[in-house]
Amino acid sequence: MPDISWEEPFCAEGNNCFRIGTDADGRAYIAVAGQEGTYLTDSREALGALIREIKAGKADHLLR
């Protein structure tokens, strides 16, 4: 597992908490808080775009 520096959890009202992290090579990671061993990785820009789309309600189809 890469050495990941995790930020404080982001918790939406009534939902799971997520954490964003980065490694020394600048790759970004996202995981459910408490389950950081199972994560998605991509560029920070790509994960940021994903989060913005989810927060805007444009990704509801992913939850079905």
C-alpha atoms as a PDB file:
ATOM      1  CA  MET A   1       0.000   0.000   0.000  1.00  0.00           C
ATOM      2  CA  PRO A   2       1.371   3.455  -0.859  1.00  0.00           C
ATOM      3  CA  ASP A   3       2.105   5.951   1.910  1.00  0.00           C
ATOM      4  CA  ILE A   4      -1.072   8.068   1.767  1.00  0.00           C
ATOM      5  CA  SER A   5      -1.585  11.310   3.659  1.00  0.00           C
ATOM      6  CA  TRP A   6      -5.319  11.440   4.452  1.00  0.00           C
ATOM      7  CA  GLU A   7      -7.254  14.685   5.001  1.00  0.00           C
ATOM      8  CA  GLU A   8      -9.950  15.076   7.648  1.00  0.00           C
ATOM      9  CA  PRO A   9     -13.171  13.190   6.801  1.00  0.00           C
ATOM     10  CA  PHE A  10     -15.929  14.913   4.831  1.00  0.00           C
ATOM     11  CA  CYS A  11     -19.278  13.912   6.291  1.00  0.00           C
ATOM     12  CA  ALA A  12     -22.562  14.827   4.668  1.00  0.00           C
ATOM     13  CA  GLU A  13     -25.669  14.957   6.793  1.00  0.00           C
ATOM     14  CA  GLY A  14     -26.869  11.409   7.447  1.00  0.00           C
ATOM     15  CA  ASN A  15     -24.369   9.828   5.026  1.00  0.00           C
ATOM     16  CA  ASN A  16     -21.054   8.029   5.132  1.00  0.00           C
ATOM     17  CA  CYS A  17     -17.911  10.022   5.709  1.00  0.00           C
ATOM     18  CA  PHE A  18     -15.295  10.091   2.974  1.00  0.00           C
ATOM     19  CA  ARG A  19     -11.612  10.965   3.065  1.00  0.00           C
ATOM     20  CA  ILE A  20      -9.352  12.331   0.350  1.00  0.00           C
ATOM     21  CA  GLY A  21      -5.668  11.549   0.407  1.00  0.00           C
ATOM     22  CA  THR A  22      -2.537  12.083  -1.658  1.00  0.00           C
ATOM     23  CA  ASP A  23       0.767  10.271  -1.949  1.00  0.00           C
ATOM     24  CA  ALA A  24       4.298  11.560  -2.564  1.00  0.00           C
ATOM     25  CA  ASP A  25       3.822  11.189  -6.349  1.00  0.00           C
ATOM     26  CA  GLY A  26       0.738  13.447  -6.368  1.00  0.00           C
ATOM     27  CA  ARG A  27      -1.847  10.714  -6.965  1.00  0.00           C
ATOM     28  CA  ALA A  28      -5.177  11.255  -5.211  1.00  0.00           C
ATOM     29  CA  TYR A  29      -7.231   8.699  -3.282  1.00  0.00           C
ATOM     30  CA  ILE A  30     -10.781   8.596  -1.927  1.00  0.00           C
ATOM     31  CA  ALA A  31     -12.103   6.147   0.648  1.00  0.00           C
ATOM     32  CA  VAL A  32     -14.925   5.717   3.123  1.00  0.00           C
ATOM     33  CA  ALA A  33     -13.633   6.936   6.497  1.00  0.00           C
ATOM     34  CA  GLY A  34     -12.542   3.960   8.567  1.00  0.00           C
ATOM     35  CA  GLN A  35     -11.949   1.846   5.453  1.00  0.00           C
ATOM     36  CA  GLU A  36      -8.910   3.618   4.035  1.00  0.00           C
ATOM     37  CA  GLY A  37      -7.391   0.275   2.987  1.00  0.00           C
ATOM     38  CA  THR A  38     -10.045   0.048   0.240  1.00  0.00           C
ATOM     39  CA  TYR A  39      -9.869   3.128  -1.937  1.00  0.00           C
ATOM     40  CA  LEU A  40     -10.248   4.540  -5.439  1.00  0.00           C
ATOM     41  CA  THR A  41      -7.323   6.324  -7.012  1.00  0.00           C
ATOM     42  CA  ASP A  42      -7.017   8.783  -9.880  1.00  0.00           C
ATOM     43  CA  SER A  43      -5.735  12.293 -10.357  1.00  0.00           C
ATOM     44  CA  ARG A  44      -6.843  14.818  -7.764  1.00  0.00           C
ATOM     45  CA  GLU A  45      -8.663  16.720 -10.516  1.00  0.00           C
ATOM     46  CA  ALA A  46     -10.648  13.633 -11.581  1.00  0.00           C
ATOM     47  CA  LEU A  47     -11.677  12.769  -8.027  1.00  0.00           C
ATOM     48  CA  GLY A  48     -12.579  16.404  -7.357  1.00  0.00           C
ATOM     49  CA  ALA A  49     -14.785  16.427 -10.450  1.00  0.00           C
ATOM     50  CA  LEU A  50     -16.477  13.219  -9.297  1.00  0.00           C
ATOM     51  CA  ILE A  51     -17.210  14.687  -5.868  1.00  0.00           C
ATOM     52  CA  ARG A  52     -18.603  17.916  -7.361  1.00  0.00           C
ATOM     53  CA  GLU A  53     -20.919  15.939  -9.661  1.00  0.00           C
ATOM     54  CA  ILE A  54     -22.164  13.782  -6.797  1.00  0.00           C
ATOM     55  CA  LYS A  55     -22.755  16.815  -4.574  1.00  0.00           C
ATOM     56  CA  ALA A  56     -24.673  18.503  -7.417  1.00  0.00           C
ATOM     57  CA  GLY A  57     -27.004  15.476  -7.633  1.00  0.00           C
ATOM     58  CA  LYS A  58     -25.823  14.508 -11.104  1.00  0.00           C
ATOM     59  CA  ALA A  59     -24.637  11.027 -10.150  1.00  0.00           C
ATOM     60  CA  ASP A  60     -27.764   9.515  -8.587  1.00  0.00           C
ATOM     61  CA  HIS A  61     -27.791   6.851 -11.314  1.00  0.00           C
ATOM     62  CA  LEU A  62     -24.565   5.442  -9.828  1.00  0.00           C
ATOM     63  CA  LEU A  63     -26.385   4.552  -6.622  1.00  0.00           C
ATOM     64  CA  ARG A  64     -28.980   2.269  -8.196  1.00  0.00           C
END
